Protein backbone atom coordinates (compact mmCIF):
# COMPACT_ATOMS: atom_id res chain seq x y z
CA MET A 1 21.29 16.57 20.80
CA LYS A 2 18.90 16.41 17.78
CA ILE A 3 18.07 18.87 15.65
CA HIS A 4 14.67 18.28 14.04
CA CYS A 5 14.20 20.21 10.39
CA LEU A 6 10.69 20.06 8.52
CA LEU A 7 11.47 21.27 5.20
CA PRO A 8 8.83 23.13 3.56
CA PHE A 9 9.36 21.38 0.05
CA LEU A 10 9.13 17.95 1.45
CA ALA A 11 6.68 15.68 2.47
CA ALA A 12 8.78 14.58 5.30
CA SER A 13 10.45 15.40 7.97
CA GLN A 14 14.13 14.76 9.09
CA GLU A 15 15.72 14.43 12.05
CA PHE A 16 19.71 15.25 12.35
CA ASP A 17 22.09 14.28 15.42
CA GLU A 18 24.91 16.34 16.21
CA ASP A 19 27.10 14.38 13.49
CA PHE A 20 24.32 15.10 10.80
CA SER A 21 23.59 11.38 10.40
CA GLY A 22 19.91 11.25 10.98
CA SER A 23 16.47 9.81 9.13
CA VAL A 24 13.80 10.84 7.00
CA ARG A 25 9.98 10.16 7.99
CA LEU A 26 7.79 10.28 5.05
CA GLU A 27 4.11 9.80 5.40
CA ALA A 28 1.61 7.76 3.84
CA PRO A 29 -1.59 8.79 2.45
CA ALA A 30 -4.42 7.92 4.59
CA LEU A 31 -7.27 7.00 2.84
CA ASP A 32 -10.98 7.75 3.85
CA SER A 33 -13.72 6.36 2.18
CA GLU A 34 -13.87 8.99 -0.25
CA GLU A 35 -10.53 8.43 -1.68
CA GLY A 36 -10.61 4.21 -0.60
CA GLY A 37 -14.02 3.19 -2.06
CA ASN A 38 -15.66 5.55 -4.42
CA TRP A 39 -15.18 5.71 -8.00
CA HIS A 40 -14.86 8.75 -8.67
CA ILE A 41 -12.26 11.30 -7.91
CA ALA A 42 -12.58 13.75 -4.82
CA PRO A 43 -13.11 17.06 -4.99
CA HIS A 44 -10.27 18.38 -3.28
CA LEU A 45 -8.13 16.10 -5.90
CA LEU A 46 -9.96 17.38 -9.25
CA CYS A 47 -7.48 20.12 -9.98
CA ASP A 48 -4.45 17.91 -9.87
CA ALA A 49 -6.28 14.99 -12.03
CA CYS A 50 -7.68 18.02 -14.45
CA ARG A 51 -4.06 18.77 -14.86
CA ILE A 52 -2.86 15.26 -15.36
CA ILE A 53 -5.02 14.30 -17.93
CA SER A 54 -4.71 17.52 -20.00
CA MET A 55 -0.91 17.12 -19.84
CA GLU A 56 -1.26 13.90 -21.22
CA ILE A 57 -3.89 14.69 -23.88
CA ASN A 58 -1.51 17.60 -25.02
CA LYS A 59 1.69 15.70 -24.53
CA ARG A 60 0.17 12.63 -26.75
CA ILE A 61 -1.31 14.40 -29.33
CA THR A 62 1.98 16.64 -30.00
CA SER A 63 3.83 13.54 -30.03
CA GLU A 64 2.00 12.36 -32.81
CA ILE A 65 2.30 15.63 -34.52
CA ASN A 66 5.93 15.81 -34.35
CA LYS A 67 6.35 12.15 -36.16
CA PHE A 68 5.38 13.96 -39.16
CA PRO A 69 7.23 16.82 -40.99
CA SER A 70 4.35 17.75 -42.84
CA VAL A 71 2.03 17.39 -40.48
CA LYS A 72 4.44 19.76 -37.72
CA SER A 73 4.94 21.82 -40.73
CA GLY A 74 1.45 22.64 -40.93
CA LYS A 75 0.90 21.37 -44.43
CA LYS A 76 -1.24 18.50 -43.57
CA GLU A 77 -3.53 17.19 -40.40
CA LEU A 78 -3.23 13.88 -38.78
CA SER A 79 -6.36 11.95 -39.98
CA GLU A 80 -9.32 12.12 -38.10
CA ASP A 81 -9.55 8.40 -37.41
CA ARG A 82 -6.05 8.89 -35.70
CA VAL A 83 -6.88 11.54 -33.54
CA LEU A 84 -9.97 9.82 -32.40
CA GLU A 85 -7.73 6.86 -31.63
CA ILE A 86 -5.23 8.68 -29.69
CA ILE A 87 -7.71 10.19 -27.22
CA GLU A 88 -9.41 6.75 -26.52
CA GLU A 89 -5.99 5.37 -25.48
CA ILE A 90 -5.29 7.78 -23.28
CA CYS A 91 -8.89 7.73 -21.70
CA ASP A 92 -10.10 4.34 -21.91
CA ASP A 93 -6.21 2.51 -21.45
CA PRO A 94 -5.83 1.48 -17.79
CA LYS A 95 -2.28 1.44 -18.44
CA THR A 96 -1.93 5.38 -19.20
CA PHE A 97 -2.89 6.09 -15.42
CA LYS A 98 -1.65 2.96 -13.71
CA ASP A 99 1.38 5.04 -11.78
CA ALA A 100 -0.94 7.41 -10.32
CA GLY A 101 -1.93 7.59 -6.91
CA LEU A 102 -2.09 9.91 -3.84
CA LYS A 103 0.97 11.77 -2.08
CA VAL A 104 0.87 13.72 0.70
CA ILE A 105 3.05 16.97 0.34
CA ASP A 106 2.93 19.07 3.04
CA GLY A 107 0.32 18.02 5.15
CA VAL A 108 -1.99 18.29 1.72
CA GLN A 109 -3.07 15.35 -0.31
CA ARG A 110 -2.28 15.42 -4.07
CA ILE A 111 -2.39 13.18 -6.83
CA SER A 112 1.40 12.25 -8.22
CA ALA A 113 1.39 10.86 -11.81
CA PRO A 114 4.84 10.26 -14.04
CA GLY A 115 5.34 13.96 -15.98
CA TYR A 116 3.38 15.77 -13.45
CA GLU A 117 4.57 18.37 -10.96
CA THR A 118 4.02 16.52 -7.77
CA VAL A 119 5.82 12.99 -9.03
CA GLN A 120 9.30 14.80 -8.11
CA VAL A 121 8.57 15.88 -4.66
CA PRO A 122 9.59 13.25 -1.99
CA GLY A 123 7.05 10.95 -0.77
CA VAL A 124 5.09 7.66 -0.55
CA THR A 125 2.68 7.24 -3.67
CA GLN A 126 -0.22 5.42 -2.87
CA GLY A 127 -1.36 4.27 -6.40
CA GLY A 128 -3.34 1.40 -7.98
CA MET A 129 -6.32 0.54 -6.89
CA MET A 130 -9.25 2.26 -8.33
CA TRP A 131 -6.96 5.42 -9.64
CA PRO A 132 -6.88 3.62 -13.67
CA HIS A 133 -10.44 3.45 -13.28
CA ARG A 134 -10.84 7.12 -12.25
CA PHE A 135 -8.95 8.74 -14.17
CA LYS A 136 -10.79 7.00 -17.09
CA ILE A 137 -14.11 8.10 -16.06
CA LYS A 138 -12.81 11.76 -15.11
CA CYS A 139 -11.03 11.74 -18.96
CA ASN A 140 -14.01 10.68 -20.93
CA GLN A 141 -15.84 13.32 -18.67
CA MET A 142 -13.60 16.19 -19.68
CA VAL A 143 -13.56 15.48 -23.13
CA GLU A 144 -17.23 15.29 -23.12
CA GLU A 145 -17.82 18.65 -21.04
CA ASN A 146 -15.24 20.47 -22.47
CA PHE A 147 -15.28 19.92 -26.72
CA GLU A 148 -18.06 18.99 -28.89
CA ASP A 149 -15.69 15.91 -30.38
CA GLU A 150 -11.94 14.68 -30.10
CA TRP A 151 -11.01 16.76 -33.47
CA GLU A 152 -11.77 20.18 -31.70
CA ILE A 153 -9.34 18.95 -28.85
CA TYR A 154 -6.60 18.50 -31.64
CA LYS A 155 -7.45 21.58 -33.37
CA TYR A 156 -7.26 23.45 -30.12
CA VAL A 157 -3.64 22.11 -29.66
CA ARG A 158 -2.75 22.98 -33.07
CA GLN A 159 -3.47 26.72 -32.35
CA ASN A 160 -2.22 26.83 -28.97
CA PRO A 161 0.21 24.33 -28.33
CA SER A 162 0.73 24.97 -24.44
CA GLY A 163 -3.21 26.05 -23.68
CA LEU A 164 -5.13 23.24 -23.12
CA ILE A 165 -4.54 22.92 -19.26
CA TYR A 166 -5.74 26.37 -19.04
CA LYS A 167 -8.59 26.22 -21.13
CA ILE A 168 -9.85 22.27 -19.40
CA CYS A 169 -8.86 23.18 -16.06
CA TYR A 170 -9.02 27.70 -15.47
CA GLN A 171 -11.01 28.90 -18.11
CA ASP A 172 -14.24 29.73 -16.60
CA GLU A 173 -16.16 29.28 -12.47
CA LYS A 174 -16.70 25.81 -13.52
CA ALA A 175 -13.36 24.29 -14.13
CA ASP A 176 -11.82 22.20 -11.88
CA CYS A 177 -9.03 24.45 -10.66
CA MET A 178 -11.33 27.32 -10.64
CA ARG A 179 -13.88 25.38 -8.00
CA TYR A 180 -11.12 23.26 -6.43
CA PRO A 181 -8.03 25.01 -6.22
CA VAL A 182 -4.57 23.59 -4.88
CA SER A 183 -2.65 26.18 -3.31
CA SER A 184 1.07 25.02 -4.49
CA VAL A 185 -0.52 24.73 -8.34
CA ALA A 186 -0.36 28.30 -11.13
CA GLN A 187 -3.24 30.22 -10.49
CA ASN A 188 -3.52 32.25 -13.82
CA LYS A 189 -2.56 31.85 -17.70
CA ASP A 190 1.04 33.07 -17.54
CA GLU A 191 2.02 30.28 -15.13
CA LEU A 192 0.29 27.43 -17.36
């Protein structure tokens, strides 16, 4: 007798024999032409991409602020040149998002990246290929559409240390997570 168990929090199904030995079957993402050959991120993946990029910008700026006690305390600011370098390092360096890729979670294609909620879910991540370039395009687009310049991003992070994801991804009806929501992500400001 085999017991089949489909766990809702895993992107896998499991089969157990009577002695509770068994196997786990992980599902690899199936690429259609949009995910496989396009230079842009498919619409159903834009919310994940937005949140991953916002998280990375916030993390890097906060990390740089915390390196300097006088900046951390608010007595001084980072230089505008350094802020510009940080944003350029994030958006233009292909290594920033080299570990991002597609993962099927509960039958839904999602983007997985280090530090993001999807990385902890067991499954196969199909990365590489065009993902670093896609993130480069999306990152630069987000910066241009949401801020006048990189210094404005820095000032926003200083004033709202955990609010960057909300501002970029959820704040208005044109934001990626409002236009293309993912059911298993936070849907309001209090959860971010």
